[in-house]
């Protein structure tokens, strides 16, 4: 029997748009429905690294030695997520690295959950001309007033 897979979007950054308004969205594939993944998120907040408090300020301070140790205490390798280019300013590598850290923490909190970060293919470009000089017209333009 084929296992059912679920997909959902994970925002990294200001998903509400009421602060700095910068947010990247990542597509996550899961073996469990989003409701169960949400429950695992709350369970993950009890791990040594609280993902909701990690790098949660606008212009956060560099990652501390305590936070690095907390990542290790979760059974994870900090090198997978952190950029040590400037030793005095250790940062998370990227929004994608933060998404992967969230995924890994969720799977630590509930080992029955299997999550995968999907790298979505490029969007179908509707603008510009193709190699034959054609361009796609507007689809659904009149739906928005």
Protein backbone atom coordinates (compact mmCIF):
# COMPACT_ATOMS: atom_id res chain seq x y z
CA UNK A 1 0.00 0.00 0.00
CA UNK A 2 1.31 3.40 -0.98
CA UNK A 3 1.90 5.84 1.89
CA UNK A 4 -0.09 9.07 1.72
CA UNK A 5 2.05 12.18 1.53
CA UNK A 6 1.06 15.68 2.55
CA UNK A 7 2.46 19.06 1.52
CA UNK A 8 2.34 22.36 3.34
CA UNK A 9 4.07 25.72 3.29
CA UNK A 10 6.53 26.73 6.02
CA UNK A 11 7.18 30.47 6.39
CA UNK A 12 10.59 31.61 7.58
CA UNK A 13 10.52 35.25 8.63
CA UNK A 14 7.72 37.76 9.07
CA UNK A 15 4.79 35.70 7.74
CA UNK A 16 2.22 38.20 9.08
CA UNK A 17 3.78 41.17 7.27
CA UNK A 18 3.43 43.46 10.29
CA UNK A 19 7.16 43.91 10.92
CA UNK A 20 9.99 43.91 8.41
CA UNK A 21 7.74 42.03 5.92
CA UNK A 22 10.50 39.73 4.71
CA UNK A 23 9.52 36.10 4.51
CA UNK A 24 10.57 33.08 2.48
CA UNK A 25 8.11 30.22 2.00
CA UNK A 26 9.25 26.64 1.72
CA UNK A 27 7.26 23.61 0.61
CA UNK A 28 7.50 20.72 3.04
CA UNK A 29 6.44 17.15 2.30
CA UNK A 30 5.26 15.09 5.25
CA UNK A 31 4.10 11.58 5.98
CA UNK A 32 1.63 13.04 8.52
CA UNK A 33 -1.11 15.68 8.13
CA UNK A 34 -0.31 19.26 9.04
CA UNK A 35 -2.30 19.02 12.30
CA UNK A 36 0.07 16.34 13.60
CA UNK A 37 3.08 18.35 12.48
CA UNK A 38 1.70 21.36 14.40
CA UNK A 39 1.47 19.23 17.53
CA UNK A 40 5.08 18.13 17.02
CA UNK A 41 6.06 21.81 16.73
CA UNK A 42 4.68 22.48 20.20
CA UNK A 43 6.46 19.39 21.49
CA UNK A 44 9.71 20.59 19.87
CA UNK A 45 9.54 23.81 21.91
CA UNK A 46 10.55 21.64 24.89
CA UNK A 47 13.84 20.62 23.23
CA UNK A 48 17.09 22.31 24.33
CA UNK A 49 16.83 24.76 21.37
CA UNK A 50 13.51 26.61 21.28
CA UNK A 51 13.06 27.35 17.57
CA UNK A 52 10.59 30.17 18.27
CA UNK A 53 13.16 32.03 20.36
CA UNK A 54 16.20 31.28 18.19
CA UNK A 55 17.17 34.24 15.97
CA UNK A 56 13.74 35.78 16.62
CA UNK A 57 14.68 39.47 16.75
CA UNK A 58 15.02 41.88 13.87
CA UNK A 59 18.80 42.08 13.39
CA UNK A 60 19.44 39.30 15.93
CA UNK A 61 22.73 39.00 17.75
CA UNK A 62 25.22 36.40 16.49
CA UNK A 63 24.47 32.81 17.43
CA UNK A 64 25.83 32.24 20.92
CA UNK A 65 27.94 29.36 22.19
CA UNK A 66 24.96 28.35 24.36
CA UNK A 67 22.73 28.14 21.26
CA UNK A 68 25.36 26.13 19.41
CA UNK A 69 25.51 23.73 22.35
CA UNK A 70 21.69 23.57 22.43
CA UNK A 71 21.72 22.46 18.77
CA UNK A 72 24.22 19.75 19.71
CA UNK A 73 22.09 18.79 22.72
CA UNK A 74 19.21 18.19 20.30
CA UNK A 75 21.40 15.61 18.56
CA UNK A 76 22.06 17.84 15.54
CA UNK A 77 25.25 19.13 13.93
CA UNK A 78 25.47 22.95 14.13
CA UNK A 79 27.70 22.96 11.02
CA UNK A 80 24.66 21.96 8.96
CA UNK A 81 22.90 25.23 9.78
CA UNK A 82 25.47 27.83 10.81
CA UNK A 83 27.96 29.98 8.93
CA UNK A 84 31.25 30.42 10.78
CA UNK A 85 32.82 32.72 8.18
CA UNK A 86 33.36 35.43 10.77
CA UNK A 87 33.92 33.63 14.07
CA UNK A 88 32.66 36.60 16.08
CA UNK A 89 29.46 36.84 14.02
CA UNK A 90 28.17 33.29 13.68
CA UNK A 91 24.87 33.33 11.78
CA UNK A 92 22.35 30.92 10.35
CA UNK A 93 23.46 30.18 6.78
CA UNK A 94 20.18 31.08 5.09
CA UNK A 95 16.40 30.95 5.42
CA UNK A 96 16.61 27.49 3.84
CA UNK A 97 19.04 26.38 6.58
CA UNK A 98 16.57 27.68 9.20
CA UNK A 99 13.77 25.71 7.49
CA UNK A 100 15.93 22.59 7.60
CA UNK A 101 16.69 23.19 11.29
CA UNK A 102 12.95 23.43 11.99
CA UNK A 103 12.37 20.19 10.05
CA UNK A 104 15.10 18.39 11.96
CA UNK A 105 13.78 19.60 15.33
CA UNK A 106 10.25 18.47 14.46
CA UNK A 107 11.52 15.01 13.56
CA UNK A 108 13.49 14.87 16.85
CA UNK A 109 10.34 15.83 18.79
CA UNK A 110 8.26 13.16 17.03
CA UNK A 111 10.35 10.46 15.31
CA UNK A 112 7.24 9.05 13.59
CA UNK A 113 7.08 12.20 11.46
CA UNK A 114 9.19 12.26 8.31
CA UNK A 115 9.59 15.67 6.69
CA UNK A 116 11.40 16.72 3.55
CA UNK A 117 12.16 20.17 2.21
CA UNK A 118 11.06 20.21 -1.42
CA UNK A 119 12.92 22.33 -3.89
CA UNK A 120 10.12 23.40 -6.15
CA UNK A 121 10.77 23.77 -9.87
CA UNK A 122 10.84 27.19 -11.41
CA UNK A 123 7.56 28.96 -12.02
CA UNK A 124 6.19 28.84 -15.55
CA UNK A 125 7.32 32.22 -16.90
CA UNK A 126 4.25 33.97 -18.25
CA UNK A 127 6.09 37.15 -19.14
CA UNK A 128 8.52 37.77 -21.97
CA UNK A 129 8.90 35.95 -25.22
CA UNK A 130 10.02 32.39 -25.76
CA UNK A 131 12.50 31.25 -28.42
CA UNK A 132 9.73 31.38 -31.04
CA UNK A 133 8.76 34.97 -30.23
CA UNK A 134 5.53 34.03 -28.43
CA UNK A 135 4.38 35.26 -25.04
CA UNK A 136 1.59 33.99 -22.80
CA UNK A 137 -1.23 36.44 -22.19
CA UNK A 138 -2.71 37.28 -18.79
CA UNK A 139 -4.61 34.45 -17.10
CA UNK A 140 -7.33 35.53 -14.67
CA UNK A 141 -6.40 39.20 -14.84
CA UNK A 142 -9.98 40.35 -14.40
CA UNK A 143 -10.51 38.45 -11.13
CA UNK A 144 -8.87 41.21 -9.07
CA UNK A 145 -10.40 44.63 -8.73
